[in-house]
Structure formats: structure tokens, C-alpha cells
Protein backbone atom coordinates (compact mmCIF):
# COMPACT_ATOMS: atom_id res chain seq x y z
CA MET A 1 -35.69 43.26 20.16
CA LYS A 2 -32.59 42.38 22.11
CA LEU A 3 -29.21 43.38 20.78
CA GLU A 4 -28.02 39.76 20.70
CA LYS A 5 -30.96 38.75 18.53
CA LEU A 6 -30.38 41.68 16.19
CA THR A 7 -26.70 40.85 15.75
CA SER A 8 -27.57 37.21 15.10
CA LEU A 9 -30.06 38.23 12.41
CA VAL A 10 -27.53 40.56 10.79
CA LEU A 11 -24.93 37.79 10.82
CA ILE A 12 -27.35 35.33 9.21
CA ALA A 13 -28.33 37.92 6.57
CA LEU A 14 -24.67 38.59 5.73
CA ILE A 15 -23.91 34.87 5.46
CA VAL A 16 -26.92 34.33 3.16
CA LEU A 17 -25.89 37.32 1.06
CA ALA A 18 -22.31 35.98 0.85
CA VAL A 19 -23.55 32.58 -0.30
CA ILE A 20 -25.77 34.22 -2.94
CA VAL A 21 -22.99 36.49 -4.26
CA ILE A 22 -20.33 33.78 -4.32
CA GLY A 23 -22.77 31.25 -5.78
CA SER A 24 -23.87 33.64 -8.52
CA CYS A 25 -20.27 34.47 -9.38
CA TYR A 26 -19.48 30.78 -9.59
CA ALA A 27 -22.62 29.76 -11.48
CA MET A 28 -22.47 32.56 -14.03
CA ALA A 29 -18.83 32.11 -14.98
CA PRO A 30 -18.49 32.53 -18.74
CA GLU A 31 -17.43 29.56 -20.80
CA SER A 32 -14.50 31.55 -22.16
CA LEU A 33 -12.80 31.17 -18.77
CA VAL A 34 -12.77 27.38 -19.09
CA LEU A 35 -9.85 26.68 -21.39
CA SER A 36 -8.71 23.49 -23.01
CA ASP A 37 -5.04 22.71 -23.48
CA LEU A 38 -3.04 25.21 -25.53
CA GLN A 39 -6.02 27.54 -25.98
CA GLU A 40 -5.58 31.29 -25.55
CA PRO A 41 -8.09 33.09 -23.29
CA THR A 42 -10.62 35.24 -25.11
CA GLU A 43 -11.50 37.38 -22.08
CA PRO A 44 -8.89 38.67 -19.64
CA ASN A 45 -11.24 39.00 -16.67
CA ASP A 46 -14.30 37.34 -15.24
CA PRO A 47 -17.27 39.75 -15.67
CA ASN A 48 -18.59 38.70 -12.24
CA THR A 49 -15.53 40.06 -10.47
CA GLY A 50 -17.18 43.49 -10.21
CA THR A 51 -20.15 42.03 -8.32
CA PHE A 52 -17.86 40.17 -5.95
CA LEU A 53 -15.68 43.24 -5.33
CA ALA A 54 -18.76 45.40 -4.72
CA TYR A 55 -19.87 42.93 -2.06
CA ILE A 56 -16.41 42.95 -0.45
CA TYR A 57 -16.45 46.78 -0.44
CA LEU A 58 -19.89 46.70 1.18
CA LEU A 59 -18.63 44.39 3.91
CA LEU A 60 -15.55 46.52 4.43
CA GLY A 61 -17.64 49.68 4.72
CA LEU A 62 -20.03 48.03 7.17
CA THR A 63 -17.13 46.74 9.24
CA ILE A 64 -15.47 50.14 9.44
CA THR A 65 -18.78 51.88 10.26
CA VAL A 66 -19.74 49.42 13.00
CA THR A 67 -16.24 49.45 14.49
CA ILE A 68 -16.10 53.24 14.67
CA PHE A 69 -19.64 53.44 16.07
CA ALA A 70 -18.88 50.78 18.72
CA ALA A 71 -15.63 52.47 19.73
CA ILE A 72 -17.26 55.90 20.05
CA SER A 73 -20.25 54.56 22.00
CA ASN A 74 -17.97 52.53 24.28
CA PHE A 75 -15.84 55.63 24.87
CA ILE A 76 -18.90 57.74 25.72
CA VAL A 77 -20.29 55.11 28.09
CA LYS A 78 -16.95 54.73 29.90
CA LEU A 79 -16.46 58.49 30.03
CA GLY A 80 -19.82 58.91 31.77
CA SER A 81 -19.17 56.15 34.29
CA ASP A 82 -16.58 55.86 37.02
CA ALA A 83 -14.10 54.16 34.68
CA ARG A 84 -12.17 57.28 33.78
CA GLY A 85 -8.87 55.40 34.08
CA LYS A 86 -10.00 52.92 31.44
CA THR A 87 -11.09 55.80 29.25
CA LEU A 88 -7.65 57.38 29.52
CA ILE A 89 -6.08 54.01 28.67
CA MET A 90 -8.26 53.85 25.55
CA LEU A 91 -7.16 57.33 24.52
CA GLY A 92 -3.55 56.42 25.23
CA GLY A 93 -3.82 53.32 23.06
CA PHE A 94 -5.29 55.36 20.23
CA GLY A 95 -2.51 57.93 20.65
CA VAL A 96 0.17 55.22 20.54
CA LEU A 97 -1.41 53.82 17.35
CA LEU A 98 -1.32 57.29 15.75
CA VAL A 99 2.34 57.72 16.74
CA ILE A 100 3.21 54.30 15.29
CA MET A 101 1.41 55.18 12.06
CA LEU A 102 3.18 58.56 11.85
CA ILE A 103 6.61 57.01 12.41
CA THR A 104 5.99 54.24 9.88
CA TYR A 105 4.76 56.81 7.33
CA LEU A 106 7.81 59.02 7.80
CA THR A 107 10.18 56.04 7.49
CA GLY A 108 8.41 54.70 4.40
CA ASP A 109 10.20 54.62 1.06
CA GLY A 110 8.60 56.87 -1.54
CA THR A 111 10.84 55.94 -4.46
CA PRO A 112 8.64 55.08 -7.46
CA MET A 113 9.02 51.49 -8.60
CA HIS A 114 9.65 50.31 -12.14
CA ILE A 115 6.88 47.79 -12.79
CA ILE A 116 6.77 46.26 -16.25
CA GLY A 117 3.34 46.68 -17.82
CA TYR A 118 1.91 48.89 -15.05
CA GLU A 119 0.44 52.18 -16.19
CA GLY A 120 -1.60 53.24 -13.15
CA ASP A 121 -1.49 56.47 -11.17
CA GLU A 122 -0.72 54.93 -7.77
CA ASN A 123 3.04 54.55 -8.26
CA THR A 124 3.73 57.88 -6.56
CA SER A 125 5.67 58.78 -3.47
CA GLY A 126 2.57 59.40 -1.34
CA TRP A 127 0.85 56.12 -2.16
CA LEU A 128 4.05 54.14 -1.70
CA LYS A 129 4.64 55.70 1.72
CA ILE A 130 1.02 54.96 2.71
CA SER A 131 1.36 51.32 1.65
CA ASP A 132 4.61 51.06 3.62
CA MET A 133 2.87 52.64 6.61
CA LEU A 134 -0.03 50.17 6.48
CA LEU A 135 2.23 47.14 6.09
CA ARG A 136 4.66 48.15 8.82
CA THR A 137 1.86 49.12 11.21
CA ALA A 138 0.24 45.73 10.60
CA TYR A 139 3.57 43.98 11.30
CA ILE A 140 4.02 45.92 14.54
CA LEU A 141 0.46 45.19 15.69
CA ILE A 142 0.82 41.49 14.86
CA GLY A 143 4.08 41.43 16.82
CA ILE A 144 2.41 43.13 19.80
CA ALA A 145 -0.46 40.62 19.62
CA VAL A 146 1.91 37.63 19.55
CA ILE A 147 3.99 39.00 22.43
CA SER A 148 0.86 39.68 24.50
CA ILE A 149 -0.40 36.14 23.86
CA ILE A 150 2.90 34.73 25.06
CA VAL A 151 3.27 37.05 28.07
CA SER A 152 -0.35 37.18 29.31
CA PRO A 153 -0.29 33.81 31.16
CA PHE A 154 2.66 35.02 33.22
CA PHE A 155 0.78 38.18 34.23
CA LYS A 156 -2.27 36.10 35.18
CA LYS A 157 -0.09 33.96 37.49
CA LEU A 158 1.31 37.09 39.13
CA LYS A 159 -2.18 38.25 40.09
């Protein structure tokens, strides 16, 4: 079976699974979530939220696994071919990403926040610095993407 056909089948299976999960969460919503005017809710959460979150975690895990596998296989293929310069560029890009993440972690604020009604364990210095790191790294990468979209036509004209 060709790789294109396999990826198409996986995509179709994931779309069908998404429709089933979202449809079941919608169809099996308890009546207590439908409130009339001035009525207090009897249940704080939809019991189908766990199913939906499990599906999202499954998709996230599959995405991370496939991305890492594709990156490693692409690196191995390029390392074995004559494209050693491109392989070094890939390693350099990964190194720059690690440096950005390290800098954004070290500059993150670890001061615990006062959140009314929150009693979880994640309001610690380490988790707060990690969340700052992820947000700031995302902002930097989005900025780099926007700048490259704007600048890339000029580089194409120079060639």
C-alpha cells in the first residue's frame, strides 16, 4: 500500500472518529445542562467531557508521536545522503529552538498567583515558569513565521 493511500485512510478514520465522539458528546448531554430561566444548575460539569478530553489527548499523543518519528526519519535520510548542509541546518534550527526555550524559561516569572477559589497543585514556581516559557516561545515562533511570510517574496525576487 502506498504511503499516500495509508495517510488518506488514517485521515478518514480520524475524521470519522471525531464525528462519532463529538456527536456522542452532543447527543448524550444530560437534561440537567439545559436550564430554564432563573434555574440553578444541578450538575457542574457535563459527564461527556471526559470522553471528549480523552479523544483530544489521543490526537495530541498521535500528533507528537508522528511528528517526532517524521523528524527523526527525515534527519536519518538526509544524514545518509549528500545533503549534509541541510542536516546541519536542521540541527542548528533545533539548537536555536532549545536556546529560545531556555532563555524564555529563565526569564519566566515564578511568583505564585493568588487565584480565588483555586486549590490545585500547579500554582508553583516551576509550573508558572514552564507556562511562561511555552507562551513566550509560541509568541516568538509566531513572530518569526509572520516575518518570514512578509520577507520571503523579497528573497524569491533576489534569486
